[in-house]
Structures are given as structure tokens and as C-alpha cells.
Amino acid sequence: MIPPVLHTERLTLRAPVMADFAAYCAFVTSDRARFMGGPHSEGTAWSWFCNDVAQWALLDMGGLILDRPEGGPLGQVSLTHGPQFPEPELGWFLFDGAEGQGYATEAAAALRDWALGPRGLDTIVSYIDPDNAASAAVARRLGATIDPNGATPGNAPTQVWRYRRAA
């Protein structure tokens, strides 16, 4: 599948391109990735970046870069699955300097709506570290609720925040 291009009031969500990797890598290799088990190596950043791109061809989902009209990537929002996640996961992260402006909520709402609408999924989840209050707040603003019975990936403490298609 060709990745969708989604538009919000302030953002364009588009497929990652090689020029985005430097900012992506800077996030993944920094302490800012601590709620994703980081910081990680540049090799891990490259592996994840390629995975986010490849999932579009393999699973009809993947990562999208948050871009703004005046240029410059702000972060990533993704709908990912595959063997590492028990269910399709809506995830997000922002590059340094993009926090606190509502970009994560805006982008994640657009991808959530696409996933539960045109993509045709009935439910998706966000796997969130219990100490990540900022991501929990985004999930709450997006209408997710904690699913205490949801399967979690790996062994790290994780909350499963669930979104459902509107009836």
C-alpha cells in the first residue's frame, strides 16, 4: 500500500524520506527515547526507521512524519503491528523543540481516524509506559481508555490504552 498523506489544520503527515533520518536518529539515540527503552544505538534507530517505512508495503500501516508547511519534520506518528506488537499500535513521538504545542495530539487524532475509518480497523491500542504522563495525556485526549486485559509487548511495564471505532 502507498502510505496515505493526511492533513490537519497545521500539519501534513507523510511517508518518511531519507532526509528525515537525522532527526529521527537524534530522538532515538537520546534520553528522550527513555519511555521506548532508550536511548538506543544508531543501528537500532536505522532498523526502526526502515521498519516504519517497510510496514506500509507489508501490512498497510507504518510511520508518518509530522511536517509543517514552513518546512521541517516535527516528529512521527505511526500505526504499527507485526510480531513485536500483539495488536496494531498507534504511537507518536516529537523531535526536540516540538513538545507542548499540541502536535502529537493533532497528528495522532488524524492517524487514529484514518485507522478506524478508511483503513477499516475496529480497535487499535497505544502501549504506554506507566511513567509517561505526557503520552497518557495524549491518549486520554484522543478518547482512549486503559484496557487492563490488553496483551502487552515484551516484559517492560506497559499500559494498554484502547481506541474503538465509533458505533
N, C-alpha and C. Protein backbone atom coordinates (compact mmCIF):
# COMPACT_ATOMS: atom_id res chain seq x y z
N MET A 1 0.84 -1.19 0.00
CA MET A 1 0.00 0.00 0.00
C MET A 1 0.88 1.24 0.00
N ILE A 2 0.43 2.24 -0.68
CA ILE A 2 1.09 3.54 -0.66
C ILE A 2 0.65 4.24 0.62
N PRO A 3 1.57 4.76 1.40
CA PRO A 3 1.18 5.45 2.63
C PRO A 3 0.25 6.62 2.33
N PRO A 4 -0.75 6.83 3.18
CA PRO A 4 -1.61 7.98 2.96
C PRO A 4 -0.87 9.28 3.27
N VAL A 5 -1.33 10.34 2.71
CA VAL A 5 -0.91 11.68 3.10
C VAL A 5 -2.12 12.29 3.79
N LEU A 6 -1.96 12.59 5.07
CA LEU A 6 -3.05 13.13 5.86
C LEU A 6 -2.76 14.59 6.20
N HIS A 7 -3.80 15.39 6.22
CA HIS A 7 -3.65 16.81 6.52
C HIS A 7 -4.47 17.17 7.75
N THR A 8 -3.89 17.99 8.61
CA THR A 8 -4.60 18.55 9.75
C THR A 8 -4.57 20.07 9.58
N GLU A 9 -5.05 20.75 10.57
CA GLU A 9 -5.07 22.21 10.50
C GLU A 9 -3.66 22.78 10.29
N ARG A 10 -2.66 22.18 10.97
CA ARG A 10 -1.30 22.75 10.92
C ARG A 10 -0.27 21.83 10.29
N LEU A 11 -0.61 20.57 10.05
CA LEU A 11 0.39 19.59 9.69
C LEU A 11 0.03 18.82 8.42
N THR A 12 1.08 18.31 7.79
CA THR A 12 0.94 17.27 6.77
C THR A 12 1.63 16.03 7.33
N LEU A 13 0.94 14.91 7.32
CA LEU A 13 1.51 13.63 7.75
C LEU A 13 1.85 12.88 6.47
N ARG A 14 3.13 12.57 6.29
CA ARG A 14 3.60 11.99 5.04
C ARG A 14 4.58 10.87 5.31
N ALA A 15 4.85 10.08 4.28
CA ALA A 15 5.80 8.99 4.39
C ALA A 15 7.19 9.54 4.73
N PRO A 16 7.95 8.80 5.53
CA PRO A 16 9.33 9.21 5.82
C PRO A 16 10.19 9.17 4.56
N VAL A 17 11.15 10.09 4.50
CA VAL A 17 12.15 10.10 3.45
C VAL A 17 13.53 10.13 4.12
N MET A 18 14.54 9.81 3.36
CA MET A 18 15.89 9.71 3.92
C MET A 18 16.30 10.97 4.67
N ALA A 19 15.88 12.13 4.19
CA ALA A 19 16.25 13.39 4.84
C ALA A 19 15.71 13.49 6.27
N ASP A 20 14.71 12.68 6.63
CA ASP A 20 14.14 12.69 7.97
C ASP A 20 14.96 11.88 8.97
N PHE A 21 15.86 11.04 8.47
CA PHE A 21 16.54 10.11 9.37
C PHE A 21 17.40 10.81 10.42
N ALA A 22 18.05 11.90 10.09
CA ALA A 22 18.92 12.56 11.08
C ALA A 22 18.13 12.97 12.32
N ALA A 23 16.98 13.59 12.15
CA ALA A 23 16.15 14.00 13.29
C ALA A 23 15.59 12.78 14.01
N TYR A 24 15.17 11.77 13.26
CA TYR A 24 14.65 10.53 13.83
C TYR A 24 15.73 9.87 14.69
N CYS A 25 16.92 9.76 14.15
CA CYS A 25 18.05 9.14 14.85
C CYS A 25 18.41 9.94 16.10
N ALA A 26 18.40 11.26 16.00
CA ALA A 26 18.72 12.10 17.17
C ALA A 26 17.75 11.82 18.31
N PHE A 27 16.47 11.61 17.99
CA PHE A 27 15.49 11.28 19.03
C PHE A 27 15.77 9.90 19.62
N VAL A 28 15.87 8.90 18.78
CA VAL A 28 16.01 7.51 19.24
C VAL A 28 17.29 7.28 20.04
N THR A 29 18.34 8.01 19.73
CA THR A 29 19.62 7.83 20.43
C THR A 29 19.76 8.73 21.65
N SER A 30 18.72 9.49 21.95
CA SER A 30 18.78 10.41 23.09
C SER A 30 18.01 9.87 24.29
N ASP A 31 18.17 10.55 25.41
CA ASP A 31 17.41 10.21 26.60
C ASP A 31 15.92 10.45 26.41
N ARG A 32 15.55 11.22 25.40
CA ARG A 32 14.13 11.47 25.12
C ARG A 32 13.41 10.18 24.72
N ALA A 33 14.14 9.14 24.34
CA ALA A 33 13.54 7.85 23.98
C ALA A 33 13.44 6.91 25.18
N ARG A 34 13.60 7.44 26.40
CA ARG A 34 13.62 6.59 27.60
C ARG A 34 12.33 5.80 27.79
N PHE A 35 11.19 6.33 27.36
CA PHE A 35 9.93 5.60 27.52
C PHE A 35 9.75 4.54 26.43
N MET A 36 10.73 4.45 25.54
CA MET A 36 10.75 3.42 24.50
C MET A 36 11.96 2.52 24.71
N GLY A 37 12.44 2.46 25.95
CA GLY A 37 13.57 1.60 26.27
C GLY A 37 14.92 2.19 25.93
N GLY A 38 14.98 3.45 25.55
CA GLY A 38 16.21 4.08 25.10
C GLY A 38 16.98 4.75 26.22
N PRO A 39 18.04 5.41 25.84
CA PRO A 39 18.48 5.67 24.47
C PRO A 39 19.01 4.40 23.78
N HIS A 40 18.89 4.42 22.45
CA HIS A 40 19.28 3.28 21.63
C HIS A 40 20.46 3.67 20.74
N SER A 41 20.99 2.70 20.05
CA SER A 41 22.12 2.93 19.13
C SER A 41 21.62 3.48 17.80
N GLU A 42 22.55 4.01 17.03
CA GLU A 42 22.22 4.47 15.69
C GLU A 42 21.73 3.30 14.83
N GLY A 43 22.28 2.12 15.06
CA GLY A 43 21.83 0.94 14.33
C GLY A 43 20.39 0.60 14.62
N THR A 44 19.99 0.72 15.88
CA THR A 44 18.60 0.48 16.24
C THR A 44 17.71 1.54 15.61
N ALA A 45 18.15 2.79 15.63
CA ALA A 45 17.37 3.87 15.00
C ALA A 45 17.15 3.56 13.53
N TRP A 46 18.20 3.11 12.85
CA TRP A 46 18.08 2.78 11.43
C TRP A 46 17.11 1.61 11.22
N SER A 47 17.21 0.60 12.06
CA SER A 47 16.32 -0.55 11.97
C SER A 47 14.86 -0.13 12.16
N TRP A 48 14.61 0.68 13.15
CA TRP A 48 13.24 1.15 13.41
C TRP A 48 12.72 2.03 12.27
N PHE A 49 13.57 2.90 11.77
CA PHE A 49 13.19 3.78 10.66
C PHE A 49 12.79 2.95 9.44
N CYS A 50 13.62 1.97 9.11
CA CYS A 50 13.32 1.09 7.97
C CYS A 50 12.05 0.29 8.21
N ASN A 51 11.85 -0.17 9.44
CA ASN A 51 10.64 -0.91 9.79
C ASN A 51 9.40 -0.03 9.59
N ASP A 52 9.49 1.22 10.02
CA ASP A 52 8.35 2.14 9.87
C ASP A 52 8.01 2.38 8.41
N VAL A 53 9.01 2.37 7.54
CA VAL A 53 8.80 2.54 6.11
C VAL A 53 8.28 1.24 5.49
N ALA A 54 8.89 0.12 5.82
CA ALA A 54 8.56 -1.16 5.20
C ALA A 54 7.17 -1.67 5.55
N GLN A 55 6.68 -1.34 6.73
CA GLN A 55 5.37 -1.85 7.12
C GLN A 55 4.25 -1.39 6.18
N TRP A 56 4.45 -0.27 5.48
CA TRP A 56 3.43 0.17 4.53
C TRP A 56 3.26 -0.87 3.42
N ALA A 57 4.35 -1.41 2.92
CA ALA A 57 4.27 -2.41 1.86
C ALA A 57 3.81 -3.77 2.38
N LEU A 58 4.17 -4.09 3.62
CA LEU A 58 3.88 -5.41 4.16
C LEU A 58 2.54 -5.52 4.88
N LEU A 59 2.13 -4.46 5.59
CA LEU A 59 0.97 -4.56 6.48
C LEU A 59 -0.07 -3.45 6.27
N ASP A 60 0.12 -2.60 5.27
CA ASP A 60 -0.78 -1.47 5.05
C ASP A 60 -0.84 -0.53 6.25
N MET A 61 0.27 -0.38 6.92
CA MET A 61 0.40 0.56 8.03
C MET A 61 1.89 0.83 8.21
N GLY A 62 2.21 1.87 8.97
CA GLY A 62 3.61 2.22 9.21
C GLY A 62 3.72 3.61 9.81
N GLY A 63 4.87 4.23 9.65
CA GLY A 63 5.13 5.53 10.23
C GLY A 63 4.86 6.66 9.24
N LEU A 64 4.47 7.80 9.79
CA LEU A 64 4.29 9.03 9.02
C LEU A 64 5.01 10.16 9.75
N ILE A 65 5.67 10.99 9.01
CA ILE A 65 6.39 12.13 9.57
C ILE A 65 5.44 13.33 9.70
N LEU A 66 5.51 14.01 10.82
CA LEU A 66 4.76 15.25 11.02
C LEU A 66 5.56 16.36 10.36
N ASP A 67 4.97 16.99 9.38
CA ASP A 67 5.64 18.07 8.66
C ASP A 67 4.74 19.30 8.71
N ARG A 68 5.34 20.46 8.63
CA ARG A 68 4.56 21.70 8.64
C ARG A 68 4.84 22.47 7.36
N PRO A 69 3.90 23.29 6.94
CA PRO A 69 4.05 23.99 5.66
C PRO A 69 5.35 24.77 5.53
N GLU A 70 5.81 25.37 6.62
CA GLU A 70 7.06 26.14 6.53
C GLU A 70 8.29 25.26 6.53
N GLY A 71 8.09 23.95 6.57
CA GLY A 71 9.18 23.00 6.42
C GLY A 71 9.76 22.51 7.72
N GLY A 72 10.30 21.34 7.67
CA GLY A 72 10.96 20.75 8.81
C GLY A 72 10.11 19.73 9.54
N PRO A 73 10.65 18.52 9.70
CA PRO A 73 9.91 17.49 10.42
C PRO A 73 9.84 17.79 11.92
N LEU A 74 8.70 17.46 12.51
CA LEU A 74 8.46 17.71 13.93
C LEU A 74 8.47 16.44 14.77
N GLY A 75 8.30 15.30 14.12
CA GLY A 75 8.21 14.04 14.85
C GLY A 75 7.59 12.98 13.97
N GLN A 76 7.10 11.93 14.61
CA GLN A 76 6.49 10.83 13.88
C GLN A 76 5.24 10.36 14.60
N VAL A 77 4.29 9.93 13.83
CA VAL A 77 3.12 9.22 14.33
C VAL A 77 3.10 7.91 13.53
N SER A 78 2.68 6.83 14.18
CA SER A 78 2.72 5.57 13.47
C SER A 78 1.57 4.67 13.87
N LEU A 79 1.21 3.82 12.93
CA LEU A 79 0.30 2.71 13.18
C LEU A 79 1.11 1.49 12.79
N THR A 80 1.53 0.71 13.78
CA THR A 80 2.43 -0.40 13.51
C THR A 80 1.89 -1.69 14.12
N HIS A 81 2.37 -2.79 13.59
CA HIS A 81 1.93 -4.10 14.09
C HIS A 81 3.11 -5.05 13.93
N GLY A 82 2.92 -6.15 13.27
CA GLY A 82 3.99 -7.12 13.11
C GLY A 82 4.22 -7.90 14.38
N PRO A 83 5.25 -8.73 14.39
CA PRO A 83 5.46 -9.64 15.51
C PRO A 83 5.80 -8.97 16.84
N GLN A 84 6.24 -7.72 16.82
CA GLN A 84 6.64 -7.08 18.08
C GLN A 84 5.45 -6.58 18.90
N PHE A 85 4.28 -6.42 18.29
CA PHE A 85 3.11 -5.90 18.99
C PHE A 85 1.93 -6.86 18.84
N PRO A 86 1.25 -7.18 19.94
CA PRO A 86 0.10 -8.07 19.85
C PRO A 86 -1.06 -7.51 19.01
N GLU A 87 -1.19 -6.18 18.95
CA GLU A 87 -2.27 -5.53 18.20
C GLU A 87 -1.71 -4.32 17.47
N PRO A 88 -2.43 -3.83 16.46
CA PRO A 88 -1.99 -2.59 15.82
C PRO A 88 -1.88 -1.47 16.86
N GLU A 89 -0.73 -0.79 16.84
CA GLU A 89 -0.46 0.24 17.84
C GLU A 89 -0.34 1.62 17.22
N LEU A 90 -1.06 2.57 17.79
CA LEU A 90 -0.93 3.97 17.45
C LEU A 90 0.13 4.57 18.37
N GLY A 91 1.22 5.03 17.79
CA GLY A 91 2.30 5.61 18.58
C GLY A 91 2.71 6.96 18.03
N TRP A 92 3.46 7.70 18.83
CA TRP A 92 3.91 9.03 18.43
C TRP A 92 5.14 9.42 19.23
N PHE A 93 5.94 10.28 18.64
CA PHE A 93 6.98 10.97 19.38
C PHE A 93 7.31 12.26 18.64
N LEU A 94 7.81 13.21 19.39
CA LEU A 94 8.14 14.52 18.84
C LEU A 94 9.64 14.76 18.94
N PHE A 95 10.17 15.40 17.93
CA PHE A 95 11.57 15.78 17.95
C PHE A 95 11.76 16.95 18.91
N ASP A 96 12.99 17.16 19.31
CA ASP A 96 13.33 18.21 20.26
C ASP A 96 12.79 19.56 19.79
N GLY A 97 12.12 20.25 20.70
CA GLY A 97 11.59 21.58 20.41
C GLY A 97 10.15 21.60 19.93
N ALA A 98 9.56 20.44 19.65
CA ALA A 98 8.18 20.40 19.13
C ALA A 98 7.15 20.09 20.22
N GLU A 99 7.60 19.87 21.45
CA GLU A 99 6.69 19.49 22.53
C GLU A 99 5.85 20.68 22.99
N GLY A 100 4.71 20.34 23.62
CA GLY A 100 3.89 21.36 24.27
C GLY A 100 3.09 22.25 23.35
N GLN A 101 2.97 21.88 22.08
CA GLN A 101 2.24 22.70 21.13
C GLN A 101 1.03 21.98 20.53
N GLY A 102 0.73 20.79 21.04
CA GLY A 102 -0.43 20.04 20.57
C GLY A 102 -0.21 19.23 19.31
N TYR A 103 1.03 19.17 18.82
CA TYR A 103 1.29 18.44 17.58
C TYR A 103 1.03 16.94 17.71
N ALA A 104 1.43 16.33 18.82
CA ALA A 104 1.22 14.88 18.99
C ALA A 104 -0.26 14.54 18.97
N THR A 105 -1.06 15.29 19.70
CA THR A 105 -2.49 15.03 19.73
C THR A 105 -3.11 15.23 18.35
N GLU A 106 -2.75 16.31 17.68
CA GLU A 106 -3.30 16.62 16.36
C GLU A 106 -2.96 15.52 15.35
N ALA A 107 -1.71 15.10 15.32
CA ALA A 107 -1.28 14.08 14.37
C ALA A 107 -1.86 12.72 14.71
N ALA A 108 -1.82 12.35 15.99
CA ALA A 108 -2.34 11.04 16.39
C ALA A 108 -3.84 10.95 16.16
N ALA A 109 -4.58 12.05 16.34
CA ALA A 109 -6.03 12.04 16.06
C ALA A 109 -6.28 11.77 14.58
N ALA A 110 -5.49 12.37 13.71
CA ALA A 110 -5.67 12.16 12.27
C ALA A 110 -5.38 10.71 11.89
N LEU A 111 -4.30 10.14 12.43
CA LEU A 111 -3.98 8.75 12.09
C LEU A 111 -4.97 7.79 12.74
N ARG A 112 -5.41 8.07 13.96
CA ARG A 112 -6.45 7.26 14.60
C ARG A 112 -7.71 7.24 13.74
N ASP A 113 -8.14 8.41 13.28
CA ASP A 113 -9.35 8.49 12.46
C ASP A 113 -9.18 7.73 11.15
N TRP A 114 -8.00 7.78 10.56
CA TRP A 114 -7.74 7.03 9.33
C TRP A 114 -7.77 5.53 9.62
N ALA A 115 -7.13 5.10 10.72
CA ALA A 115 -7.07 3.68 11.07
C ALA A 115 -8.45 3.09 11.34
N LEU A 116 -9.27 3.85 12.08
CA LEU A 116 -10.59 3.36 12.47
C LEU A 116 -11.66 3.70 11.42
N GLY A 117 -11.25 4.43 10.40
CA GLY A 117 -12.16 4.80 9.31
C GLY A 117 -11.74 4.09 8.02
N PRO A 118 -11.09 4.82 7.10
CA PRO A 118 -10.74 4.23 5.81
C PRO A 118 -9.89 2.95 5.90
N ARG A 119 -9.00 2.84 6.86
CA ARG A 119 -8.17 1.62 6.98
C ARG A 119 -9.01 0.44 7.42
N GLY A 120 -10.12 0.70 8.14
CA GLY A 120 -11.07 -0.36 8.44
C GLY A 120 -10.85 -1.15 9.72
N LEU A 121 -9.98 -0.69 10.61
CA LEU A 121 -9.77 -1.42 11.85
C LEU A 121 -10.89 -1.09 12.84
N ASP A 122 -11.26 -2.07 13.67
CA ASP A 122 -12.30 -1.87 14.69
C ASP A 122 -11.73 -1.33 15.98
N THR A 123 -10.46 -1.68 16.26
CA THR A 123 -9.82 -1.24 17.50
C THR A 123 -8.32 -1.14 17.27
N ILE A 124 -7.69 -0.21 17.96
CA ILE A 124 -6.24 -0.08 17.99
C ILE A 124 -5.86 0.26 19.42
N VAL A 125 -4.58 0.16 19.72
CA VAL A 125 -4.10 0.44 21.07
C VAL A 125 -2.88 1.36 21.00
N SER A 126 -2.57 1.97 22.13
CA SER A 126 -1.29 2.63 22.34
C SER A 126 -0.66 1.96 23.54
N TYR A 127 0.57 1.49 23.40
CA TYR A 127 1.32 0.89 24.51
C TYR A 127 2.13 2.01 25.15
N ILE A 128 1.82 2.33 26.40
CA ILE A 128 2.43 3.49 27.05
C ILE A 128 3.05 3.09 28.38
N ASP A 129 4.30 3.50 28.57
CA ASP A 129 4.99 3.30 29.84
C ASP A 129 4.19 4.01 30.92
N PRO A 130 3.94 3.33 32.07
CA PRO A 130 3.14 3.96 33.13
C PRO A 130 3.71 5.28 33.65
N ASP A 131 5.00 5.52 33.48
CA ASP A 131 5.61 6.77 33.93
C ASP A 131 5.55 7.89 32.88
N ASN A 132 5.03 7.59 31.70
CA ASN A 132 4.99 8.57 30.62
C ASN A 132 3.67 9.35 30.68
N ALA A 133 3.61 10.32 31.59
CA ALA A 133 2.39 11.09 31.80
C ALA A 133 1.99 11.88 30.56
N ALA A 134 2.95 12.38 29.80
CA ALA A 134 2.63 13.18 28.61
C ALA A 134 1.91 12.33 27.56
N SER A 135 2.41 11.11 27.31
CA SER A 135 1.74 10.26 26.33
C SER A 135 0.39 9.77 26.84
N ALA A 136 0.29 9.49 28.13
CA ALA A 136 -1.01 9.10 28.70
C ALA A 136 -2.02 10.23 28.52
N ALA A 137 -1.59 11.47 28.68
CA ALA A 137 -2.48 12.61 28.49
C ALA A 137 -2.94 12.71 27.04
N VAL A 138 -2.04 12.45 26.09
CA VAL A 138 -2.43 12.47 24.68
C VAL A 138 -3.48 11.38 24.43
N ALA A 139 -3.22 10.16 24.91
CA ALA A 139 -4.16 9.05 24.71
C ALA A 139 -5.53 9.40 25.30
N ARG A 140 -5.54 9.99 26.46
CA ARG A 140 -6.79 10.39 27.12
C ARG A 140 -7.53 11.43 26.27
N ARG A 141 -6.80 12.44 25.75
CA ARG A 141 -7.42 13.46 24.90
C ARG A 141 -7.99 12.85 23.63
N LEU A 142 -7.39 11.75 23.18
CA LEU A 142 -7.86 11.08 21.96
C LEU A 142 -9.01 10.13 22.22
N GLY A 143 -9.43 10.02 23.48
CA GLY A 143 -10.58 9.18 23.80
C GLY A 143 -10.25 7.75 24.15
N ALA A 144 -8.99 7.43 24.34
CA ALA A 144 -8.61 6.06 24.72
C ALA A 144 -8.88 5.83 26.20
N THR A 145 -9.08 4.58 26.54
CA THR A 145 -9.21 4.18 27.94
C THR A 145 -8.27 3.01 28.20
N ILE A 146 -7.83 2.89 29.42
CA ILE A 146 -6.92 1.79 29.77
C ILE A 146 -7.69 0.47 29.69
N ASP A 147 -7.08 -0.49 29.01
CA ASP A 147 -7.63 -1.84 28.91
C ASP A 147 -6.78 -2.74 29.80
N PRO A 148 -7.25 -3.05 31.01
CA PRO A 148 -6.43 -3.83 31.93
C PRO A 148 -6.20 -5.27 31.46
N ASN A 149 -6.99 -5.72 30.48
CA ASN A 149 -6.85 -7.10 29.97
C ASN A 149 -6.11 -7.16 28.65
N GLY A 150 -5.65 -6.02 28.14
CA GLY A 150 -4.95 -6.00 26.86
C GLY A 150 -3.58 -6.65 26.95
N ALA A 151 -3.23 -7.39 25.92
CA ALA A 151 -1.91 -8.02 25.85
C ALA A 151 -0.84 -6.96 25.63
N THR A 152 0.29 -7.11 26.31
CA THR A 152 1.38 -6.14 26.20
C THR A 152 2.58 -6.76 25.49
N PRO A 153 3.37 -5.93 24.80
CA PRO A 153 4.58 -6.44 24.17
C PRO A 153 5.72 -6.51 25.18
N GLY A 154 6.52 -7.51 25.10
CA GLY A 154 7.72 -7.59 25.94
C GLY A 154 7.43 -7.70 27.42
N ASN A 155 8.48 -7.46 28.21
CA ASN A 155 8.39 -7.62 29.66
C ASN A 155 8.35 -6.31 30.42
N ALA A 156 8.56 -5.18 29.74
CA ALA A 156 8.58 -3.89 30.43
C ALA A 156 7.17 -3.52 30.89
N PRO A 157 7.05 -2.80 32.00
CA PRO A 157 5.73 -2.35 32.44
C PRO A 157 5.10 -1.48 31.35
N THR A 158 3.89 -1.83 30.96
CA THR A 158 3.21 -1.13 29.88
C THR A 158 1.72 -1.08 30.15
N GLN A 159 1.13 0.08 29.91
CA GLN A 159 -0.32 0.19 29.94
C GLN A 159 -0.84 0.10 28.52
N VAL A 160 -1.97 -0.56 28.36
CA VAL A 160 -2.63 -0.68 27.06
C VAL A 160 -3.80 0.31 27.05
N TRP A 161 -3.68 1.32 26.20
CA TRP A 161 -4.74 2.32 26.02
C TRP A 161 -5.48 1.95 24.73
N ARG A 162 -6.80 1.76 24.82
CA ARG A 162 -7.58 1.26 23.69
C ARG A 162 -8.48 2.33 23.08
N TYR A 163 -8.51 2.33 21.74
CA TYR A 163 -9.40 3.17 20.94
C TYR A 163 -10.33 2.22 20.17
N ARG A 164 -11.57 2.59 20.05
CA ARG A 164 -12.53 1.76 19.31
C ARG A 164 -13.23 2.61 18.24
N ARG A 165 -13.59 1.91 17.17
CA ARG A 165 -14.36 2.56 16.12
C ARG A 165 -15.70 3.02 16.70
N ALA A 166 -16.12 4.21 16.35
CA ALA A 166 -17.41 4.72 16.83
C ALA A 166 -18.53 3.86 16.26
N ALA A 167 -19.55 3.63 17.08
CA ALA A 167 -20.69 2.81 16.64
C ALA A 167 -21.51 3.55 15.61
